[in-house]
PDB file of N, CA and C in Angstrom:
ATOM      1  N   MET A   1      14.021  -8.863   1.452  1.00  0.00           N
ATOM      2  CA  MET A   1      13.262  -9.937   2.083  1.00  0.00           C
ATOM      3  C   MET A   1      12.221 -10.439   1.078  1.00  0.00           C
ATOM      4  N   PRO A   2      12.199 -11.733   0.784  1.00  0.00           N
ATOM      5  CA  PRO A   2      11.249 -12.248  -0.195  1.00  0.00           C
ATOM      6  C   PRO A   2       9.836 -12.346   0.364  1.00  0.00           C
ATOM      7  N   ASN A   3       8.889 -12.186  -0.530  1.00  0.00           N
ATOM      8  CA  ASN A   3       7.487 -12.349  -0.197  1.00  0.00           C
ATOM      9  C   ASN A   3       7.247 -13.824   0.124  1.00  0.00           C
ATOM     10  N   PRO A   4       6.632 -14.153   1.276  1.00  0.00           N
ATOM     11  CA  PRO A   4       6.478 -15.558   1.647  1.00  0.00           C
ATOM     12  C   PRO A   4       5.560 -16.359   0.725  1.00  0.00           C
ATOM     13  N   TRP A   5       4.683 -15.687  -0.026  1.00  0.00           N
ATOM     14  CA  TRP A   5       3.750 -16.418  -0.890  1.00  0.00           C
ATOM     15  C   TRP A   5       4.301 -16.623  -2.294  1.00  0.00           C
ATOM     16  N   SER A   6       4.943 -15.600  -2.825  1.00  0.00           N
ATOM     17  CA  SER A   6       5.422 -15.713  -4.205  1.00  0.00           C
ATOM     18  C   SER A   6       6.906 -16.064  -4.280  1.00  0.00           C
ATOM     19  N   GLY A   7       7.640 -15.841  -3.174  1.00  0.00           N
ATOM     20  CA  GLY A   7       9.071 -16.080  -3.195  1.00  0.00           C
ATOM     21  C   GLY A   7       9.857 -14.960  -3.833  1.00  0.00           C
ATOM     22  N   LYS A   8       9.167 -13.947  -4.340  1.00  0.00           N
ATOM     23  CA  LYS A   8       9.825 -12.803  -4.978  1.00  0.00           C
ATOM     24  C   LYS A   8       9.978 -11.680  -3.964  1.00  0.00           C
ATOM     25  N   GLY A   9      10.839 -10.750  -4.288  1.00  0.00           N
ATOM     26  CA  GLY A   9      11.045  -9.604  -3.405  1.00  0.00           C
ATOM     27  C   GLY A   9       9.845  -8.672  -3.407  1.00  0.00           C
ATOM     28  N   TYR A  10       9.750  -7.849  -2.387  1.00  0.00           N
ATOM     29  CA  TYR A  10       8.678  -6.858  -2.324  1.00  0.00           C
ATOM     30  C   TYR A  10       8.898  -5.819  -3.409  1.00  0.00           C
ATOM     31  N   PRO A  11       7.834  -5.337  -4.030  1.00  0.00           N
ATOM     32  CA  PRO A  11       7.999  -4.416  -5.154  1.00  0.00           C
ATOM     33  C   PRO A  11       8.534  -3.047  -4.758  1.00  0.00           C
ATOM     34  N   TYR A  12       8.339  -2.620  -3.502  1.00  0.00           N
ATOM     35  CA  TYR A  12       8.774  -1.303  -3.068  1.00  0.00           C
ATOM     36  C   TYR A  12       9.553  -1.401  -1.764  1.00  0.00           C
ATOM     37  N   THR A  13      10.606  -0.641  -1.684  1.00  0.00           N
ATOM     38  CA  THR A  13      11.315  -0.530  -0.414  1.00  0.00           C
ATOM     39  C   THR A  13      10.587   0.508   0.436  1.00  0.00           C
ATOM     40  N   LYS A  14      10.929   0.554   1.699  1.00  0.00           N
ATOM     41  CA  LYS A  14      10.323   1.542   2.595  1.00  0.00           C
ATOM     42  C   LYS A  14      10.566   2.957   2.065  1.00  0.00           C
ATOM     43  N   GLN A  15      11.761   3.216   1.572  1.00  0.00           N
ATOM     44  CA  GLN A  15      12.082   4.551   1.068  1.00  0.00           C
ATOM     45  C   GLN A  15      11.278   4.887  -0.179  1.00  0.00           C
ATOM     46  N   LYS A  16      11.077   3.916  -1.070  1.00  0.00           N
ATOM     47  CA  LYS A  16      10.283   4.166  -2.281  1.00  0.00           C
ATOM     48  C   LYS A  16       8.843   4.506  -1.919  1.00  0.00           C
ATOM     49  N   VAL A  17       8.302   3.811  -0.928  1.00  0.00           N
ATOM     50  CA  VAL A  17       6.931   4.099  -0.493  1.00  0.00           C
ATOM     51  C   VAL A  17       6.860   5.513   0.067  1.00  0.00           C
ATOM     52  N   ARG A  18       7.829   5.882   0.893  1.00  0.00           N
ATOM     53  CA  ARG A  18       7.847   7.228   1.472  1.00  0.00           C
ATOM     54  C   ARG A  18       7.980   8.298   0.397  1.00  0.00           C
ATOM     55  N   ASP A  19       8.834   8.050  -0.597  1.00  0.00           N
ATOM     56  CA  ASP A  19       9.032   9.005  -1.686  1.00  0.00           C
ATOM     57  C   ASP A  19       7.748   9.182  -2.489  1.00  0.00           C
ATOM     58  N   ARG A  20       7.067   8.073  -2.782  1.00  0.00           N
ATOM     59  CA  ARG A  20       5.808   8.154  -3.540  1.00  0.00           C
ATOM     60  C   ARG A  20       4.728   8.887  -2.749  1.00  0.00           C
ATOM     61  N   LEU A  21       4.678   8.616  -1.452  1.00  0.00           N
ATOM     62  CA  LEU A  21       3.710   9.296  -0.599  1.00  0.00           C
ATOM     63  C   LEU A  21       3.996  10.793  -0.566  1.00  0.00           C
ATOM     64  N   GLN A  22       5.261  11.162  -0.403  1.00  0.00           N
ATOM     65  CA  GLN A  22       5.628  12.581  -0.376  1.00  0.00           C
ATOM     66  C   GLN A  22       5.311  13.260  -1.699  1.00  0.00           C
ATOM     67  N   ALA A  23       5.541  12.574  -2.813  1.00  0.00           N
ATOM     68  CA  ALA A  23       5.229  13.144  -4.125  1.00  0.00           C
ATOM     69  C   ALA A  23       3.728  13.377  -4.277  1.00  0.00           C
ATOM     70  N   THR A  24       2.940  12.428  -3.799  1.00  0.00           N
ATOM     71  CA  THR A  24       1.480  12.570  -3.857  1.00  0.00           C
ATOM     72  C   THR A  24       1.027  13.739  -2.998  1.00  0.00           C
ATOM     73  N   LEU A  25       1.590  13.857  -1.801  1.00  0.00           N
ATOM     74  CA  LEU A  25       1.239  14.967  -0.915  1.00  0.00           C
ATOM     75  C   LEU A  25       1.624  16.308  -1.515  1.00  0.00           C
ATOM     76  N   SER A  26       2.790  16.387  -2.127  1.00  0.00           N
ATOM     77  CA  SER A  26       3.247  17.649  -2.699  1.00  0.00           C
ATOM     78  C   SER A  26       2.387  18.078  -3.889  1.00  0.00           C
ATOM     79  N   GLN A  27       1.753  17.118  -4.556  1.00  0.00           N
ATOM     80  CA  GLN A  27       0.851  17.428  -5.670  1.00  0.00           C
ATOM     81  C   GLN A  27      -0.571  17.695  -5.190  1.00  0.00           C
ATOM     82  N   LYS A  28      -0.776  17.615  -3.870  1.00  0.00           N
ATOM     83  CA  LYS A  28      -2.082  17.835  -3.233  1.00  0.00           C
ATOM     84  C   LYS A  28      -3.150  16.898  -3.789  1.00  0.00           C
ATOM     85  N   LYS A  29      -2.748  15.662  -4.056  1.00  0.00           N
ATOM     86  CA  LYS A  29      -3.678  14.634  -4.514  1.00  0.00           C
ATOM     87  C   LYS A  29      -4.234  13.888  -3.308  1.00  0.00           C
ATOM     88  N   ALA A  30      -5.384  13.293  -3.481  1.00  0.00           N
ATOM     89  CA  ALA A  30      -6.014  12.537  -2.403  1.00  0.00           C
ATOM     90  C   ALA A  30      -5.255  11.238  -2.149  1.00  0.00           C
ATOM     91  N   ILE A  31      -5.191  10.870  -0.878  1.00  0.00           N
ATOM     92  CA  ILE A  31      -4.612   9.596  -0.481  1.00  0.00           C
ATOM     93  C   ILE A  31      -5.742   8.775   0.119  1.00  0.00           C
ATOM     94  N   ILE A  32      -5.999   7.633  -0.455  1.00  0.00           N
ATOM     95  CA  ILE A  32      -7.110   6.794  -0.011  1.00  0.00           C
ATOM     96  C   ILE A  32      -6.538   5.534   0.613  1.00  0.00           C
ATOM     97  N   GLY A  33      -6.949   5.247   1.830  1.00  0.00           N
ATOM     98  CA  GLY A  33      -6.494   4.046   2.508  1.00  0.00           C
ATOM     99  C   GLY A  33      -7.691   3.186   2.877  1.00  0.00           C
ATOM    100  N   THR A  34      -7.528   1.897   2.762  1.00  0.00           N
ATOM    101  CA  THR A  34      -8.596   0.973   3.118  1.00  0.00           C
ATOM    102  C   THR A  34      -8.010  -0.170   3.923  1.00  0.00           C
ATOM    103  N   GLY A  35      -8.873  -0.894   4.546  1.00  0.00           N
ATOM    104  CA  GLY A  35      -8.435  -2.058   5.287  1.00  0.00           C
ATOM    105  C   GLY A  35      -9.623  -2.959   5.564  1.00  0.00           C
ATOM    106  N   ALA A  36      -9.359  -4.192   5.798  1.00  0.00           N
ATOM    107  CA  ALA A  36     -10.416  -5.147   6.108  1.00  0.00           C
ATOM    108  C   ALA A  36      -9.847  -6.214   7.024  1.00  0.00           C
ATOM    109  N   GLY A  37     -10.690  -6.755   7.851  1.00  0.00           N
ATOM    110  CA  GLY A  37     -10.250  -7.797   8.767  1.00  0.00           C
ATOM    111  C   GLY A  37     -10.664  -9.159   8.267  1.00  0.00           C
ATOM    112  N   THR A  38     -11.897  -9.530   8.533  1.00  0.00           N
ATOM    113  CA  THR A  38     -12.361 -10.861   8.179  1.00  0.00           C
ATOM    114  C   THR A  38     -12.968 -10.930   6.783  1.00  0.00           C
ATOM    115  N   GLY A  39     -13.113  -9.782   6.155  1.00  0.00           N
ATOM    116  CA  GLY A  39     -13.709  -9.761   4.822  1.00  0.00           C
ATOM    117  C   GLY A  39     -15.129  -9.239   4.841  1.00  0.00           C
ATOM    118  N   ILE A  40     -15.715  -9.127   6.017  1.00  0.00           N
ATOM    119  CA  ILE A  40     -17.077  -8.599   6.110  1.00  0.00           C
ATOM    120  C   ILE A  40     -17.118  -7.151   5.598  1.00  0.00           C
ATOM    121  N   SER A  41     -16.136  -6.360   5.998  1.00  0.00           N
ATOM    122  CA  SER A  41     -16.091  -4.972   5.537  1.00  0.00           C
ATOM    123  C   SER A  41     -15.976  -4.913   4.011  1.00  0.00           C
ATOM    124  N   ALA A  42     -15.086  -5.706   3.462  1.00  0.00           N
ATOM    125  CA  ALA A  42     -14.887  -5.714   2.018  1.00  0.00           C
ATOM    126  C   ALA A  42     -16.159  -6.147   1.293  1.00  0.00           C
ATOM    127  N   LYS A  43     -16.869  -7.078   1.857  1.00  0.00           N
ATOM    128  CA  LYS A  43     -18.099  -7.552   1.234  1.00  0.00           C
ATOM    129  C   LYS A  43     -19.108  -6.420   1.065  1.00  0.00           C
ATOM    130  N   PHE A  44     -19.220  -5.574   2.074  1.00  0.00           N
ATOM    131  CA  PHE A  44     -20.210  -4.514   2.033  1.00  0.00           C
ATOM    132  C   PHE A  44     -19.730  -3.258   1.334  1.00  0.00           C
ATOM    133  N   ILE A  45     -18.442  -3.151   1.070  1.00  0.00           N
ATOM    134  CA  ILE A  45     -17.925  -2.003   0.320  1.00  0.00           C
ATOM    135  C   ILE A  45     -18.300  -2.188  -1.135  1.00  0.00           C
TER     136      ILE A  45
END
C-alpha cells in the first residue's frame, strides 16, 4: 500500500516491525514510544 503523501511504499511491513520489536526485547533494550495530538505536547517536550 503506497504512502498517501509520498506515493512510495511503507518502509516496513507489519512482520518487519514485529521482528525488530522482538529483537529489541530479546536484547533487553529500552523501547521508547511517544505520541502527540495537536502538537501542544510536542511543543512542551
